[in-house]
Protein backbone atom coordinates (compact mmCIF):
# COMPACT_ATOMS: atom_id res chain seq x y z
CA MET A 1 33.68 7.94 -38.45
CA THR A 2 34.97 4.15 -37.56
CA ASN A 3 34.74 2.50 -34.73
CA PRO A 4 37.88 2.48 -32.49
CA PHE A 5 36.61 0.20 -29.93
CA ASP A 6 35.16 -3.44 -29.28
CA GLY A 7 31.35 -2.25 -30.45
CA GLN A 8 30.36 -0.88 -26.91
CA ALA A 9 30.50 2.73 -27.94
CA LEU A 10 28.08 2.02 -30.31
CA ALA A 11 25.69 -0.40 -28.21
CA ASP A 12 25.89 2.88 -25.25
CA LEU A 13 25.22 5.50 -28.18
CA GLY A 14 22.01 2.63 -29.52
CA ARG A 15 20.73 2.54 -26.31
CA PHE A 16 21.05 6.42 -25.72
CA ILE A 17 19.64 7.34 -29.06
CA GLN A 18 16.55 4.12 -28.02
CA ALA A 19 15.91 6.52 -24.41
CA GLN A 20 15.88 9.61 -26.13
CA ARG A 21 13.15 8.82 -29.21
CA GLU A 22 11.06 7.45 -25.93
CA ILE A 23 11.27 9.89 -23.79
CA ALA A 24 10.31 12.16 -26.63
CA GLN A 25 7.37 9.58 -28.00
CA VAL A 26 9.03 9.56 -31.40
CA SER A 27 8.28 6.15 -33.33
CA VAL A 28 10.91 4.16 -35.42
CA ARG A 29 9.85 5.07 -38.40
CA SER A 30 9.07 8.74 -37.35
CA LEU A 31 12.89 8.94 -36.49
CA ALA A 32 14.53 7.29 -39.75
CA ARG A 33 12.21 9.69 -41.67
CA ALA A 34 13.53 12.54 -40.30
CA ALA A 35 16.99 11.06 -40.57
CA ASP A 36 16.17 10.21 -44.49
CA VAL A 37 17.08 6.64 -43.30
CA SER A 38 15.52 3.09 -42.69
CA ASP A 39 13.04 1.86 -40.49
CA SER A 40 15.77 -0.84 -39.74
CA TYR A 41 18.49 1.01 -39.69
CA VAL A 42 17.27 3.15 -36.65
CA SER A 43 16.79 -0.18 -35.55
CA GLN A 44 19.87 -1.75 -35.84
CA LEU A 45 21.89 1.65 -34.33
CA GLU A 46 19.40 0.96 -31.39
CA LYS A 47 20.57 -2.34 -31.18
CA GLY A 48 23.95 -1.46 -31.34
CA LYS A 49 24.29 -3.67 -34.86
CA GLU A 50 24.68 -1.08 -37.50
CA MET A 51 25.73 -2.89 -40.30
CA ALA A 52 29.54 -1.18 -41.09
CA ALA A 53 30.18 -1.60 -36.97
CA SER A 54 31.24 1.90 -37.55
CA LEU A 55 29.23 4.55 -35.52
CA PRO A 56 26.81 6.83 -37.96
CA SER A 57 28.69 9.81 -39.54
CA ALA A 58 28.35 12.77 -38.52
CA GLN A 59 25.45 13.67 -41.19
CA VAL A 60 23.01 10.83 -39.67
CA LEU A 61 24.08 12.25 -36.20
CA THR A 62 22.96 15.21 -37.15
CA ASP A 63 19.75 14.47 -38.92
CA LEU A 64 18.81 11.90 -35.78
CA ALA A 65 19.38 14.36 -32.70
CA LYS A 66 16.91 16.68 -34.97
CA GLY A 67 14.24 14.00 -35.09
CA LEU A 68 14.96 13.75 -31.67
CA ASN A 69 15.00 17.49 -30.89
CA LEU A 70 18.07 17.49 -29.56
CA SER A 71 20.88 19.63 -30.46
CA PRO A 72 22.92 18.16 -33.31
CA ASP A 73 26.29 18.28 -31.32
CA VAL A 74 24.73 16.14 -28.70
CA LEU A 75 25.03 13.42 -30.52
CA ILE A 76 28.34 13.97 -32.09
CA ARG A 77 29.94 14.69 -28.56
CA MET A 78 28.92 11.40 -27.59
CA ALA A 79 29.88 9.44 -29.94
CA THR A 80 33.22 10.79 -30.16
CA TRP A 81 33.30 11.37 -26.05
CA LEU A 82 30.96 8.42 -24.41
CA PRO A 83 33.98 5.33 -24.77
CA ASN A 84 36.91 8.25 -23.55
CA ALA A 85 34.71 9.43 -20.32
CA LEU A 86 34.39 5.51 -19.86
CA ALA A 87 37.64 4.68 -19.56
CA GLY A 88 38.81 6.99 -16.75
CA ASP A 89 37.72 6.69 -13.21
CA ASP A 90 36.71 9.74 -12.35
CA LYS A 91 32.79 8.90 -12.20
CA ASP A 92 31.04 11.87 -10.23
CA ALA A 93 32.70 14.12 -12.53
CA VAL A 94 30.53 12.54 -15.26
CA VAL A 95 28.04 12.32 -13.96
CA ASN A 96 28.17 16.31 -12.81
CA ALA A 97 29.60 17.07 -16.07
CA ILE A 98 26.33 15.70 -17.31
CA SER A 99 24.15 17.61 -14.28
CA LYS A 100 25.52 21.01 -15.64
CA ASP A 101 25.12 20.78 -19.37
CA LYS A 102 22.49 23.16 -19.42
CA ARG A 103 21.61 22.15 -23.53
CA LEU A 104 20.20 19.17 -22.42
CA LYS A 105 16.55 19.37 -20.97
CA GLU A 106 16.43 17.67 -17.60
CA SER A 107 15.21 14.33 -18.89
CA GLN A 108 17.41 14.18 -20.72
CA ARG A 109 19.90 14.04 -18.28
CA LYS A 110 18.29 12.27 -16.33
CA ALA A 111 18.35 9.71 -19.17
CA LEU A 112 21.94 9.90 -19.79
CA ILE A 113 22.97 9.93 -16.32
CA GLN A 114 21.19 6.56 -15.58
CA LEU A 115 22.54 5.31 -19.22
CA TYR A 116 26.01 5.70 -17.97
CA LYS A 117 25.41 4.92 -14.75
CA SER A 118 24.14 1.59 -15.93
CA MET A 119 26.91 1.41 -17.98
CA VAL A 120 30.24 1.51 -15.61
CA GLU A 121 28.25 -0.52 -13.27
CA GLU A 122 28.53 -3.10 -16.28
CA ASP A 123 31.92 -3.50 -15.79
């Protein structure tokens, strides 16, 4: 899936993956093995520096999600939804939607809201 944005979506996704990995107490190596990718790929992805400057494939996102004990659609939807959501001015609606998403654990909702707020405040 090609990144039609300026790299911000990739950086945001990487920060989210890193936050979820830390919450789950999973090492880079363990996550890489679960997703059948290299340690350096996960590290670069977390830093927003994926080699092709594109979002990871749906399969890689699915495998990463499984390694983080997340539903695969969390990362897939984030990879396609996040840049569009950030373009709008309705920040409260985004936070509210994240808060009500029962597919996420409470710690994941908090991490995602914190990440979202930090990204919005950067602008």
